[in-house]
Amino acid sequence: MTAVREQLPEGRYGDSADQRADRKLKILGSVLGTAFLGMVVWFGYDYVTGEKISAEVIKFSVTSDSEVQVHLEIRKDADATGTCTVRSRSEDGAEVGRLDVPVNAPGDGRIDEIAKIRTTSRATSAELAQCTAK
């Protein structure tokens, strides 16, 4: 009797399509896993180091057609200096005023600041654009 082979001889005809697909999936998984790990490390580092200066608009008051008063609460580290930019907008959403508020007070913690923004026309809102540390 003759023995019947059910499979092809090993290594004679090269890799099968399934083996090539498995290899590609493993490579893709490795690349995506490495990218995800890098992203987690980046966000973790940013969270730990944090911002040295942050602020919040507590309230604002439109005092005239050409001025808005903004009450800011600024939080900062002890050695941090920089600026916080506030802006005011008109009813149609156009920016009508902008002011850079310097943050130079010694010490850390919370600072209350009243900023007066001069506007080109009547404003209806005021917002914090950004805070940057030097």
C-alpha atoms as a PDB file:
ATOM      1  CA  MET A   1       0.000   0.000   0.000  1.00  0.00           C
ATOM      2  CA  THR A   2       1.019   3.489  -0.727  1.00  0.00           C
ATOM      3  CA  ALA A   3       0.776   6.200   1.900  1.00  0.00           C
ATOM      4  CA  VAL A   4      -1.237   9.215   0.765  1.00  0.00           C
ATOM      5  CA  ARG A   5      -0.004  12.657   1.720  1.00  0.00           C
ATOM      6  CA  GLU A   6      -2.605  15.151   2.830  1.00  0.00           C
ATOM      7  CA  GLN A   7      -0.311  18.183   2.939  1.00  0.00           C
ATOM      8  CA  LEU A   8       2.354  19.604   0.675  1.00  0.00           C
ATOM      9  CA  PRO A   9       5.992  19.014   1.610  1.00  0.00           C
ATOM     10  CA  GLU A  10       7.310  21.650   4.066  1.00  0.00           C
ATOM     11  CA  GLY A  11       9.137  24.600   2.513  1.00  0.00           C
ATOM     12  CA  ARG A  12       8.862  23.335  -1.047  1.00  0.00           C
ATOM     13  CA  TYR A  13       6.353  25.861  -2.403  1.00  0.00           C
ATOM     14  CA  GLY A  14       7.074  28.953  -0.234  1.00  0.00           C
ATOM     15  CA  ASP A  15       4.844  30.618   2.359  1.00  0.00           C
ATOM     16  CA  SER A  16       1.127  30.314   2.037  1.00  0.00           C
ATOM     17  CA  ALA A  17      -1.079  33.383   1.652  1.00  0.00           C
ATOM     18  CA  ASP A  18      -2.327  32.933   5.216  1.00  0.00           C
ATOM     19  CA  GLN A  19       1.192  33.041   6.624  1.00  0.00           C
ATOM     20  CA  ARG A  20       2.004  36.236   4.691  1.00  0.00           C
ATOM     21  CA  ALA A  21      -1.236  37.845   5.913  1.00  0.00           C
ATOM     22  CA  ASP A  22      -0.448  36.825   9.495  1.00  0.00           C
ATOM     23  CA  ARG A  23       3.016  38.395   9.233  1.00  0.00           C
ATOM     24  CA  LYS A  24       1.579  41.660   7.881  1.00  0.00           C
ATOM     25  CA  LEU A  25      -1.003  41.773  10.673  1.00  0.00           C
ATOM     26  CA  LYS A  26       1.696  41.210  13.289  1.00  0.00           C
ATOM     27  CA  ILE A  27       3.805  44.040  11.849  1.00  0.00           C
ATOM     28  CA  LEU A  28       0.791  46.381  11.683  1.00  0.00           C
ATOM     29  CA  GLY A  29      -0.169  45.490  15.264  1.00  0.00           C
ATOM     30  CA  SER A  30       3.369  46.180  16.470  1.00  0.00           C
ATOM     31  CA  VAL A  31       3.483  49.574  14.753  1.00  0.00           C
ATOM     32  CA  LEU A  32       0.061  50.618  16.073  1.00  0.00           C
ATOM     33  CA  GLY A  33       0.890  49.369  19.564  1.00  0.00           C
ATOM     34  CA  THR A  34       4.128  51.341  19.605  1.00  0.00           C
ATOM     35  CA  ALA A  35       2.330  54.485  18.383  1.00  0.00           C
ATOM     36  CA  PHE A  36      -0.352  54.090  21.064  1.00  0.00           C
ATOM     37  CA  LEU A  37       2.267  53.600  23.779  1.00  0.00           C
ATOM     38  CA  GLY A  38       4.085  56.727  22.584  1.00  0.00           C
ATOM     39  CA  MET A  39       0.845  58.714  22.717  1.00  0.00           C
ATOM     40  CA  VAL A  40       0.125  57.529  26.281  1.00  0.00           C
ATOM     41  CA  VAL A  41       3.637  58.532  27.378  1.00  0.00           C
ATOM     42  CA  TRP A  42       3.263  61.968  25.720  1.00  0.00           C
ATOM     43  CA  PHE A  43      -0.098  62.685  27.398  1.00  0.00           C
ATOM     44  CA  GLY A  44       1.203  61.396  30.727  1.00  0.00           C
ATOM     45  CA  TYR A  45       4.235  63.667  30.576  1.00  0.00           C
ATOM     46  CA  ASP A  46       2.059  66.648  29.675  1.00  0.00           C
ATOM     47  CA  TYR A  47      -0.314  65.866  32.552  1.00  0.00           C
ATOM     48  CA  VAL A  48       2.488  65.516  35.099  1.00  0.00           C
ATOM     49  CA  THR A  49       4.359  68.659  34.082  1.00  0.00           C
ATOM     50  CA  GLY A  50       1.116  70.574  33.597  1.00  0.00           C
ATOM     51  CA  GLU A  51       0.611  74.201  32.819  1.00  0.00           C
ATOM     52  CA  LYS A  52       2.477  76.726  34.909  1.00  0.00           C
ATOM     53  CA  ILE A  53      -0.201  79.387  34.374  1.00  0.00           C
ATOM     54  CA  SER A  54      -3.937  78.924  33.964  1.00  0.00           C
ATOM     55  CA  ALA A  55      -6.829  81.328  34.294  1.00  0.00           C
ATOM     56  CA  GLU A  56     -10.592  81.573  34.272  1.00  0.00           C
ATOM     57  CA  VAL A  57     -12.989  84.411  33.533  1.00  0.00           C
ATOM     58  CA  ILE A  58     -15.095  84.853  36.668  1.00  0.00           C
ATOM     59  CA  LYS A  59     -17.291  87.617  35.285  1.00  0.00           C
ATOM     60  CA  PHE A  60     -17.267  90.486  32.845  1.00  0.00           C
ATOM     61  CA  SER A  61     -19.096  93.773  32.621  1.00  0.00           C
ATOM     62  CA  VAL A  62     -19.669  95.942  29.551  1.00  0.00           C
ATOM     63  CA  THR A  63     -19.077  99.407  31.007  1.00  0.00           C
ATOM     64  CA  SER A  64     -19.484 101.435  27.780  1.00  0.00           C
ATOM     65  CA  ASP A  65     -19.464 101.170  24.001  1.00  0.00           C
ATOM     66  CA  SER A  66     -15.666 101.230  24.112  1.00  0.00           C
ATOM     67  CA  GLU A  67     -14.739  99.265  27.260  1.00  0.00           C
ATOM     68  CA  VAL A  68     -15.263  95.911  28.963  1.00  0.00           C
ATOM     69  CA  GLN A  69     -14.063  94.992  32.444  1.00  0.00           C
ATOM     70  CA  VAL A  70     -13.048  91.370  32.946  1.00  0.00           C
ATOM     71  CA  HIS A  71     -12.482  89.712  36.337  1.00  0.00           C
ATOM     72  CA  LEU A  72      -9.834  86.994  35.952  1.00  0.00           C
ATOM     73  CA  GLU A  73      -8.779  84.353  38.449  1.00  0.00           C
ATOM     74  CA  ILE A  74      -5.209  83.343  37.609  1.00  0.00           C
ATOM     75  CA  ARG A  75      -3.498  80.282  39.093  1.00  0.00           C
ATOM     76  CA  LYS A  76       0.258  79.914  38.743  1.00  0.00           C
ATOM     77  CA  ASP A  77       3.365  78.183  40.058  1.00  0.00           C
ATOM     78  CA  ALA A  78       5.767  80.114  42.285  1.00  0.00           C
ATOM     79  CA  ASP A  79       8.385  80.800  39.621  1.00  0.00           C
ATOM     80  CA  ALA A  80       6.026  81.255  36.668  1.00  0.00           C
ATOM     81  CA  THR A  81       5.658  84.491  34.724  1.00  0.00           C
ATOM     82  CA  GLY A  82       3.848  85.105  31.479  1.00  0.00           C
ATOM     83  CA  THR A  83       0.713  86.591  29.982  1.00  0.00           C
ATOM     84  CA  CYS A  84      -2.958  85.771  29.697  1.00  0.00           C
ATOM     85  CA  THR A  85      -4.795  87.048  26.632  1.00  0.00           C
ATOM     86  CA  VAL A  86      -8.431  88.076  26.977  1.00  0.00           C
ATOM     87  CA  ARG A  87     -10.654  89.221  24.146  1.00  0.00           C
ATOM     88  CA  SER A  88     -14.115  90.650  23.710  1.00  0.00           C
ATOM     89  CA  ARG A  89     -16.581  89.990  20.936  1.00  0.00           C
ATOM     90  CA  SER A  90     -19.496  91.887  19.473  1.00  0.00           C
ATOM     91  CA  GLU A  91     -22.997  90.514  18.981  1.00  0.00           C
ATOM     92  CA  ASP A  92     -22.141  89.157  15.519  1.00  0.00           C
ATOM     93  CA  GLY A  93     -19.092  87.287  16.918  1.00  0.00           C
ATOM     94  CA  ALA A  94     -16.380  89.597  15.594  1.00  0.00           C
ATOM     95  CA  GLU A  95     -13.461  90.356  17.868  1.00  0.00           C
ATOM     96  CA  VAL A  96     -13.664  94.002  18.951  1.00  0.00           C
ATOM     97  CA  GLY A  97     -10.972  94.076  21.644  1.00  0.00           C
ATOM     98  CA  ARG A  98      -7.944  92.151  22.882  1.00  0.00           C
ATOM     99  CA  LEU A  99      -5.637  92.619  25.856  1.00  0.00           C
ATOM    100  CA  ASP A 100      -2.524  90.790  27.106  1.00  0.00           C
ATOM    101  CA  VAL A 101      -2.569  90.727  30.914  1.00  0.00           C
ATOM    102  CA  PRO A 102       0.922  90.296  32.399  1.00  0.00           C
ATOM    103  CA  VAL A 103       1.291  87.682  35.146  1.00  0.00           C
ATOM    104  CA  ASN A 104       4.326  88.761  37.169  1.00  0.00           C
ATOM    105  CA  ALA A 105       3.145  88.663  40.796  1.00  0.00           C
ATOM    106  CA  PRO A 106       5.543  86.847  43.133  1.00  0.00           C
ATOM    107  CA  GLY A 107       4.528  83.661  44.906  1.00  0.00           C
ATOM    108  CA  ASP A 108       2.195  80.917  43.849  1.00  0.00           C
ATOM    109  CA  GLY A 109      -1.469  80.256  44.195  1.00  0.00           C
ATOM    110  CA  ARG A 110      -4.368  82.368  43.055  1.00  0.00           C
ATOM    111  CA  ILE A 111      -4.371  85.943  41.769  1.00  0.00           C
ATOM    112  CA  ASP A 112      -7.500  88.033  41.154  1.00  0.00           C
ATOM    113  CA  GLU A 113      -7.065  90.535  38.351  1.00  0.00           C
ATOM    114  CA  ILE A 114      -9.476  93.115  36.917  1.00  0.00           C
ATOM    115  CA  ALA A 115      -8.593  93.910  33.292  1.00  0.00           C
ATOM    116  CA  LYS A 116     -10.074  96.733  31.224  1.00  0.00           C
ATOM    117  CA  ILE A 117     -10.305  95.955  27.516  1.00  0.00           C
ATOM    118  CA  ARG A 118     -10.708  98.867  25.116  1.00  0.00           C
ATOM    119  CA  THR A 119     -13.040  97.940  22.263  1.00  0.00           C
ATOM    120  CA  THR A 120     -13.652  99.298  18.791  1.00  0.00           C
ATOM    121  CA  SER A 121     -17.435  98.895  19.140  1.00  0.00           C
ATOM    122  CA  ARG A 122     -19.925  97.644  21.737  1.00  0.00           C
ATOM    123  CA  ALA A 123     -18.995  94.226  23.067  1.00  0.00           C
ATOM    124  CA  THR A 124     -21.419  91.561  24.256  1.00  0.00           C
ATOM    125  CA  SER A 125     -18.963  89.003  25.657  1.00  0.00           C
ATOM    126  CA  ALA A 126     -15.471  88.536  27.014  1.00  0.00           C
ATOM    127  CA  GLU A 127     -13.417  85.352  27.015  1.00  0.00           C
ATOM    128  CA  LEU A 128     -10.009  84.021  27.877  1.00  0.00           C
ATOM    129  CA  ALA A 129      -8.082  83.250  24.679  1.00  0.00           C
ATOM    130  CA  GLN A 130      -4.943  81.691  26.198  1.00  0.00           C
ATOM    131  CA  CYS A 131      -2.308  81.844  28.904  1.00  0.00           C
ATOM    132  CA  THR A 132       1.355  81.376  28.079  1.00  0.00           C
ATOM    133  CA  ALA A 133       4.289  80.990  30.454  1.00  0.00           C
ATOM    134  CA  LYS A 134       7.680  82.487  29.691  1.00  0.00           C
END
